[in-house]
Protein backbone atom coordinates (compact mmCIF):
# COMPACT_ATOMS: atom_id res chain seq x y z
CA MET A 1 143.91 69.38 54.88
CA ALA A 2 142.35 70.55 58.48
CA SER A 3 141.17 73.80 56.63
CA SER A 4 139.91 72.23 53.92
CA ARG A 5 137.82 69.98 56.61
CA CYS A 6 136.16 72.97 58.06
CA VAL A 7 135.41 74.36 54.59
CA ILE A 8 133.05 71.26 54.11
CA ALA A 9 131.73 71.11 57.45
CA ALA A 10 131.01 74.90 57.07
CA LEU A 11 129.28 74.33 53.67
CA LEU A 12 127.60 71.41 54.79
CA LEU A 13 126.17 73.51 57.11
CA LEU A 14 125.16 76.14 55.22
CA THR A 15 123.14 73.60 52.67
CA ALA A 16 121.25 71.87 55.50
CA VAL A 17 120.24 75.31 57.07
CA ALA A 18 119.44 76.41 53.70
CA SER A 19 117.52 73.31 53.22
CA SER A 20 115.52 73.99 56.40
CA LEU A 21 114.92 77.76 55.64
CA ALA A 22 113.53 76.86 52.08
CA GLN A 23 111.02 74.43 53.34
CA THR A 24 107.15 75.70 53.62
CA LYS A 25 104.43 74.66 55.09
CA PRO A 26 101.91 72.33 53.40
CA ALA A 27 98.99 74.55 51.66
CA PHE A 28 96.32 71.81 53.39
CA CYS A 29 97.29 73.78 56.83
CA ARG A 30 95.67 76.52 55.18
CA GLN A 31 96.40 79.61 58.20
CA TYR A 32 97.28 77.08 60.70
CA ASP A 33 100.64 76.56 62.02
CA CYS A 34 101.78 72.32 61.31
CA PRO A 35 105.04 70.71 61.51
CA LEU A 36 107.48 70.29 58.32
CA PHE A 37 108.18 67.24 56.71
CA THR A 38 110.09 65.72 53.76
CA SER A 39 107.58 63.11 51.79
CA GLU A 40 108.55 60.10 49.21
CA SER A 41 105.68 59.00 47.09
CA PHE A 42 104.62 55.34 46.40
CA THR A 43 101.37 53.78 45.68
CA GLY A 44 98.17 54.42 47.95
CA TYR A 45 100.98 56.11 50.60
CA GLU A 46 103.74 58.51 51.04
CA ILE A 47 106.84 57.95 53.71
CA ARG A 48 107.07 61.60 55.51
CA THR A 49 110.65 62.17 57.59
CA MET A 50 109.90 65.46 60.06
CA SER A 51 112.32 68.11 59.79
CA ASP A 52 112.68 68.98 63.11
CA GLN A 53 111.92 67.68 66.60
CA THR A 54 108.02 68.69 67.14
CA ASN A 55 106.66 69.38 70.43
CA TRP A 56 103.19 68.44 71.71
CA VAL A 57 100.38 68.73 74.42
CA GLU A 58 98.85 65.07 74.53
CA THR A 59 96.21 63.36 76.93
CA THR A 60 94.93 59.77 77.16
CA VAL A 61 91.23 58.37 77.95
CA THR A 62 90.51 54.47 77.86
CA THR A 63 87.67 53.04 75.79
CA ASN A 64 86.19 49.69 75.14
CA SER A 65 86.43 49.87 71.42
CA ALA A 66 88.85 51.62 68.64
CA GLU A 67 86.75 54.67 68.57
CA MET A 68 86.22 57.56 70.59
CA GLY A 69 82.62 58.04 71.81
CA TRP A 70 81.52 62.26 71.67
CA ARG A 71 81.81 62.17 75.53
CA ASP A 72 85.75 61.36 75.40
CA SER A 73 85.97 63.41 72.40
CA ARG A 74 85.07 65.98 74.07
CA THR A 75 86.73 65.34 77.19
CA ALA A 76 90.47 65.17 75.64
CA PHE A 77 89.26 68.18 73.19
CA ARG A 78 88.68 70.33 76.13
CA ARG A 79 92.06 68.93 77.81
CA LEU A 80 93.94 70.37 75.56
CA PHE A 81 91.92 73.23 74.36
CA ASP A 82 91.87 74.83 77.66
CA TYR A 83 96.13 74.28 77.98
CA ILE A 84 96.62 76.17 74.78
CA GLN A 85 93.63 78.89 76.32
CA GLY A 86 96.31 79.56 79.56
CA ALA A 87 96.53 76.24 81.20
CA ASN A 88 99.79 76.00 81.95
CA ILE A 89 102.85 77.17 84.26
CA ASP A 90 103.28 80.26 82.21
CA LYS A 91 99.71 81.02 81.94
CA LYS A 92 100.59 81.41 78.55
CA LYS A 93 98.09 81.84 74.95
CA ILE A 94 99.31 79.40 72.10
CA PRO A 95 97.52 79.39 68.92
CA MET A 96 95.25 76.49 67.47
CA THR A 97 97.75 74.52 64.94
CA VAL A 98 96.97 71.27 62.64
CA PRO A 99 96.89 68.35 62.39
CA VAL A 100 95.13 66.99 65.61
CA LEU A 101 96.11 63.80 66.15
CA THR A 102 94.47 60.76 67.89
CA GLN A 103 96.50 57.68 68.33
CA VAL A 104 95.00 54.35 68.75
CA GLN A 105 96.70 51.67 70.75
CA ASP A 106 94.82 48.48 71.44
CA LEU A 107 95.75 47.38 75.23
CA ASN A 108 95.05 43.77 74.53
CA ASN A 109 92.23 43.36 77.73
CA GLY A 110 89.47 44.66 75.67
CA GLN A 111 90.15 48.52 75.70
CA PHE A 112 91.83 51.04 73.70
CA ALA A 113 93.85 53.59 75.15
CA MET A 114 93.25 56.96 72.63
CA THR A 115 95.82 59.62 72.97
CA MET A 116 95.07 62.91 71.33
CA LYS A 117 97.67 65.31 70.25
CA PHE A 118 97.72 68.88 69.60
CA TYR A 119 101.29 70.14 67.69
CA LEU A 120 102.80 72.95 69.34
CA GLY A 121 105.98 73.83 67.55
CA SER A 122 109.52 72.74 66.59
CA GLY A 123 112.52 73.03 67.93
CA ALA A 124 114.47 72.22 71.08
CA THR A 125 112.82 74.29 74.01
CA LEU A 126 109.86 73.12 75.43
CA PRO A 127 106.43 74.49 75.64
CA PRO A 128 105.15 75.06 79.44
CA THR A 129 103.74 72.74 81.49
CA PRO A 130 100.15 72.51 81.63
CA THR A 131 98.36 72.74 85.45
CA ASN A 132 96.28 69.39 84.25
CA THR A 133 97.99 66.50 84.82
CA ASP A 134 95.92 64.88 82.60
CA ALA A 135 97.79 66.57 79.90
CA VAL A 136 101.90 66.18 79.21
CA ILE A 137 104.06 67.49 77.25
CA PHE A 138 105.55 65.25 74.39
CA SER A 139 108.37 65.43 71.79
CA LEU A 140 108.49 63.69 68.27
CA PRO A 141 112.39 63.42 67.53
CA GLN A 142 113.58 65.03 64.48
CA GLY A 143 113.71 62.47 61.16
CA SER A 144 111.06 60.48 62.96
CA ARG A 145 109.48 58.94 59.60
CA PHE A 146 105.34 57.68 59.14
CA TYR A 147 103.60 55.88 56.69
CA VAL A 148 100.66 57.94 55.65
CA ARG A 149 97.53 57.54 53.67
CA THR A 150 95.25 60.59 52.85
CA PHE A 151 92.03 60.25 51.98
CA ARG A 152 89.51 62.93 52.03
CA LYS A 153 85.37 62.84 52.95
CA TYR A 154 82.43 65.48 53.21
CA LEU A 155 82.03 66.00 56.94
CA TRP A 156 83.26 63.80 59.52
CA ALA A 157 85.06 60.31 59.00
CA ASN A 158 83.70 57.59 61.38
CA LYS A 159 85.21 54.84 62.31
CA ALA A 160 84.37 52.18 59.40
CA ASP A 161 86.35 54.80 57.06
CA TYR A 162 89.44 54.82 59.44
CA VAL A 163 89.44 51.14 59.28
CA ASN A 164 89.43 50.57 56.05
CA ASN A 165 92.07 53.44 54.93
CA LEU A 166 94.48 51.48 57.40
CA ALA A 167 93.53 48.50 56.56
CA SER A 168 94.50 49.97 52.58
CA LEU A 169 97.62 51.49 54.23
CA LYS A 170 98.80 48.07 55.51
CA ALA A 171 98.25 46.29 52.15
CA SER A 172 99.77 49.09 50.20
CA ILE A 173 103.37 48.57 52.32
CA GLY A 174 103.16 44.44 52.22
CA ASP A 175 105.76 43.69 54.64
CA PRO A 176 104.37 44.37 58.47
CA ALA A 177 108.23 44.25 59.47
CA LEU A 178 108.40 47.50 58.21
CA TYR A 179 105.81 49.32 60.95
CA ASP A 180 104.90 49.50 64.66
CA ASP A 181 101.88 47.62 64.26
CA THR A 182 101.17 47.98 67.95
CA MET A 183 99.34 51.62 67.29
CA HIS A 184 98.33 53.65 64.48
CA ILE A 185 97.47 57.52 64.53
CA ARG A 186 94.30 59.08 62.86
CA ALA A 187 95.05 62.87 61.79
CA GLY A 188 92.61 65.50 60.84
CA TYR A 189 93.20 68.78 59.57
CA GLU A 190 90.37 71.49 59.74
CA SER A 191 87.70 72.77 62.70
CA PRO A 192 84.64 71.21 63.88
CA PHE A 193 83.07 73.82 62.55
CA PHE A 194 83.86 73.50 58.84
CA MET A 195 81.77 72.62 56.52
CA GLY A 196 82.91 71.03 53.36
CA GLN A 197 85.40 68.12 51.99
CA ARG A 198 87.69 67.60 55.32
CA ARG A 199 91.17 66.21 55.00
CA TYR A 200 91.82 63.23 56.92
CA GLU A 201 95.10 61.07 57.25
CA VAL A 202 95.69 57.65 58.92
CA TRP A 203 99.75 56.98 60.01
CA LEU A 204 101.88 53.90 60.62
CA ALA A 205 105.28 54.81 62.49
CA ALA A 206 108.01 53.01 60.04
């Protein structure tokens, strides 16, 4: 009996490993590294489940609206870009990845916390600590689930694009008890210099 249980356990482990190895990054990530996930499609949205623990470097700025002005956006991006260029305790350079996430949280006092995040890879080993204390390392657990709506636009999305697509995502999900309504995430996949049809996403944590 014990031997049979060991064989079953070994087969389950091999199946999980094979499934993980069989996963490939989505084509929309192009040449960049990006998180792996499984997806279930529904009308107007998908549910993504993160395949591994993912690590991110993030920084937060406080704004007076649910939008990052160009000065705040430049400040946040520079902190994270400096980190991957070697502003960390190991002086390690890290390749640029996608997506760039911006988490929007209403502080209920007329202000919003806007947290920009760069993906740093998956696994239990944490990336090096930033030398700038305004940037921190954040880990998203394996199995984290998000409701995701994708939209495309030539050049840059604006506040109305995000507001309208977030409203459509919530309407498609229906029951507000199914997601965390205290914040949402905006995702972009193209370089700031990319000229063409861009991919954007809005996420709600399940």
